[in-house]
Amino acid sequence: MQLKAKDDVKVQVYDMLGKLVYSTYVQTDEYGFAEIKLHFETELKVGIYQVMGYGSVQKLSCKMVLK
Protein backbone atom coordinates (compact mmCIF):
# COMPACT_ATOMS: atom_id res chain seq x y z
CA MET A 1 0.00 0.00 0.00
CA GLN A 2 1.40 3.36 -0.89
CA LEU A 3 0.95 6.65 0.87
CA LYS A 4 0.05 10.10 -0.39
CA ALA A 5 2.71 11.71 -2.61
CA LYS A 6 5.07 14.22 -0.96
CA ASP A 7 3.64 13.43 2.46
CA ASP A 8 5.45 13.69 5.80
CA VAL A 9 5.27 10.31 7.53
CA LYS A 10 6.03 9.58 11.18
CA VAL A 11 7.69 6.16 11.54
CA GLN A 12 7.68 4.48 14.93
CA VAL A 13 9.06 1.09 16.01
CA TYR A 14 7.63 -0.67 19.08
CA ASP A 15 8.79 -3.80 20.85
CA MET A 16 6.21 -6.50 21.57
CA LEU A 17 5.55 -5.02 25.02
CA GLY A 18 4.44 -1.78 23.37
CA LYS A 19 7.54 0.22 24.30
CA LEU A 20 8.59 2.80 21.71
CA VAL A 21 12.18 2.00 20.69
CA TYR A 22 12.60 4.28 17.63
CA SER A 23 10.89 7.25 16.01
CA THR A 24 11.70 9.36 12.95
CA TYR A 25 10.09 11.30 10.11
CA VAL A 26 10.46 10.65 6.37
CA GLN A 27 8.88 12.19 3.29
CA THR A 28 7.34 10.14 0.51
CA ASP A 29 8.36 10.72 -3.10
CA GLU A 30 6.09 11.86 -5.94
CA TYR A 31 4.67 8.32 -6.15
CA GLY A 32 3.89 7.93 -2.45
CA PHE A 33 6.85 5.68 -1.57
CA ALA A 34 9.71 6.19 0.88
CA GLU A 35 12.89 4.32 1.69
CA ILE A 36 13.66 4.11 5.37
CA LYS A 37 17.02 3.22 6.89
CA LEU A 38 16.74 2.59 10.60
CA HIS A 39 19.70 3.66 12.73
CA PHE A 40 19.27 2.59 16.34
CA GLU A 41 21.29 4.22 19.13
CA THR A 42 21.39 0.91 20.99
CA GLU A 43 21.33 -2.59 19.58
CA LEU A 44 17.88 -4.16 19.55
CA LYS A 45 17.36 -7.59 21.01
CA VAL A 46 16.31 -10.57 18.93
CA GLY A 47 12.56 -10.52 18.58
CA ILE A 48 9.51 -9.18 16.76
CA TYR A 49 8.87 -5.45 16.45
CA GLN A 50 5.84 -3.51 15.22
CA VAL A 51 6.63 -0.78 12.67
CA MET A 52 3.99 1.92 12.30
CA GLY A 53 3.83 4.66 9.66
CA TYR A 54 1.48 7.62 10.14
CA GLY A 55 0.85 9.84 7.11
CA SER A 56 -1.53 12.78 6.89
CA VAL A 57 -4.44 10.60 5.75
CA GLN A 58 -3.25 6.98 6.06
CA LYS A 59 -1.68 4.61 8.57
CA LEU A 60 0.49 1.59 7.74
CA SER A 61 1.84 -1.17 9.94
CA CYS A 62 4.10 -4.17 9.52
CA LYS A 63 6.19 -6.48 11.64
CA MET A 64 9.98 -6.62 11.68
CA VAL A 65 11.74 -9.78 12.84
CA LEU A 66 15.31 -9.60 14.15
CA LYS A 67 17.18 -12.92 14.34
C-alpha atoms as a PDB file:
ATOM      1  CA  MET A   1       0.000   0.000   0.000  1.00  0.00           C
ATOM      2  CA  GLN A   2       1.403   3.361  -0.892  1.00  0.00           C
ATOM      3  CA  LEU A   3       0.948   6.650   0.874  1.00  0.00           C
ATOM      4  CA  LYS A   4       0.046  10.098  -0.387  1.00  0.00           C
ATOM      5  CA  ALA A   5       2.713  11.708  -2.609  1.00  0.00           C
ATOM      6  CA  LYS A   6       5.073  14.218  -0.960  1.00  0.00           C
ATOM      7  CA  ASP A   7       3.637  13.429   2.460  1.00  0.00           C
ATOM      8  CA  ASP A   8       5.450  13.685   5.802  1.00  0.00           C
ATOM      9  CA  VAL A   9       5.274  10.310   7.533  1.00  0.00           C
ATOM     10  CA  LYS A  10       6.034   9.582  11.176  1.00  0.00           C
ATOM     11  CA  VAL A  11       7.688   6.163  11.537  1.00  0.00           C
ATOM     12  CA  GLN A  12       7.679   4.476  14.931  1.00  0.00           C
ATOM     13  CA  VAL A  13       9.056   1.094  16.013  1.00  0.00           C
ATOM     14  CA  TYR A  14       7.627  -0.665  19.079  1.00  0.00           C
ATOM     15  CA  ASP A  15       8.788  -3.798  20.851  1.00  0.00           C
ATOM     16  CA  MET A  16       6.209  -6.498  21.570  1.00  0.00           C
ATOM     17  CA  LEU A  17       5.550  -5.019  25.019  1.00  0.00           C
ATOM     18  CA  GLY A  18       4.436  -1.780  23.371  1.00  0.00           C
ATOM     19  CA  LYS A  19       7.542   0.218  24.298  1.00  0.00           C
ATOM     20  CA  LEU A  20       8.585   2.802  21.707  1.00  0.00           C
ATOM     21  CA  VAL A  21      12.181   2.005  20.691  1.00  0.00           C
ATOM     22  CA  TYR A  22      12.599   4.280  17.634  1.00  0.00           C
ATOM     23  CA  SER A  23      10.890   7.252  16.013  1.00  0.00           C
ATOM     24  CA  THR A  24      11.699   9.358  12.948  1.00  0.00           C
ATOM     25  CA  TYR A  25      10.085  11.299  10.113  1.00  0.00           C
ATOM     26  CA  VAL A  26      10.460  10.653   6.372  1.00  0.00           C
ATOM     27  CA  GLN A  27       8.881  12.191   3.290  1.00  0.00           C
ATOM     28  CA  THR A  28       7.336  10.145   0.509  1.00  0.00           C
ATOM     29  CA  ASP A  29       8.364  10.723  -3.099  1.00  0.00           C
ATOM     30  CA  GLU A  30       6.094  11.861  -5.935  1.00  0.00           C
ATOM     31  CA  TYR A  31       4.670   8.319  -6.154  1.00  0.00           C
ATOM     32  CA  GLY A  32       3.891   7.925  -2.452  1.00  0.00           C
ATOM     33  CA  PHE A  33       6.849   5.683  -1.574  1.00  0.00           C
ATOM     34  CA  ALA A  34       9.709   6.194   0.881  1.00  0.00           C
ATOM     35  CA  GLU A  35      12.892   4.324   1.688  1.00  0.00           C
ATOM     36  CA  ILE A  36      13.658   4.113   5.375  1.00  0.00           C
ATOM     37  CA  LYS A  37      17.017   3.221   6.895  1.00  0.00           C
ATOM     38  CA  LEU A  38      16.739   2.591  10.605  1.00  0.00           C
ATOM     39  CA  HIS A  39      19.697   3.661  12.733  1.00  0.00           C
ATOM     40  CA  PHE A  40      19.268   2.592  16.343  1.00  0.00           C
ATOM     41  CA  GLU A  41      21.292   4.221  19.135  1.00  0.00           C
ATOM     42  CA  THR A  42      21.388   0.911  20.989  1.00  0.00           C
ATOM     43  CA  GLU A  43      21.328  -2.590  19.581  1.00  0.00           C
ATOM     44  CA  LEU A  44      17.877  -4.158  19.547  1.00  0.00           C
ATOM     45  CA  LYS A  45      17.357  -7.592  21.012  1.00  0.00           C
ATOM     46  CA  VAL A  46      16.312 -10.568  18.925  1.00  0.00           C
ATOM     47  CA  GLY A  47      12.559 -10.519  18.577  1.00  0.00           C
ATOM     48  CA  ILE A  48       9.515  -9.181  16.765  1.00  0.00           C
ATOM     49  CA  TYR A  49       8.865  -5.449  16.453  1.00  0.00           C
ATOM     50  CA  GLN A  50       5.836  -3.510  15.219  1.00  0.00           C
ATOM     51  CA  VAL A  51       6.634  -0.779  12.667  1.00  0.00           C
ATOM     52  CA  MET A  52       3.987   1.922  12.297  1.00  0.00           C
ATOM     53  CA  GLY A  53       3.830   4.663   9.665  1.00  0.00           C
ATOM     54  CA  TYR A  54       1.483   7.621  10.141  1.00  0.00           C
ATOM     55  CA  GLY A  55       0.845   9.840   7.109  1.00  0.00           C
ATOM     56  CA  SER A  56      -1.528  12.782   6.893  1.00  0.00           C
ATOM     57  CA  VAL A  57      -4.440  10.596   5.748  1.00  0.00           C
ATOM     58  CA  GLN A  58      -3.247   6.985   6.063  1.00  0.00           C
ATOM     59  CA  LYS A  59      -1.681   4.610   8.567  1.00  0.00           C
ATOM     60  CA  LEU A  60       0.490   1.594   7.744  1.00  0.00           C
ATOM     61  CA  SER A  61       1.841  -1.167   9.941  1.00  0.00           C
ATOM     62  CA  CYS A  62       4.100  -4.169   9.521  1.00  0.00           C
ATOM     63  CA  LYS A  63       6.191  -6.479  11.639  1.00  0.00           C
ATOM     64  CA  MET A  64       9.976  -6.618  11.682  1.00  0.00           C
ATOM     65  CA  VAL A  65      11.738  -9.784  12.840  1.00  0.00           C
ATOM     66  CA  LEU A  66      15.309  -9.602  14.153  1.00  0.00           C
ATOM     67  CA  LYS A  67      17.179 -12.917  14.338  1.00  0.00           C
END
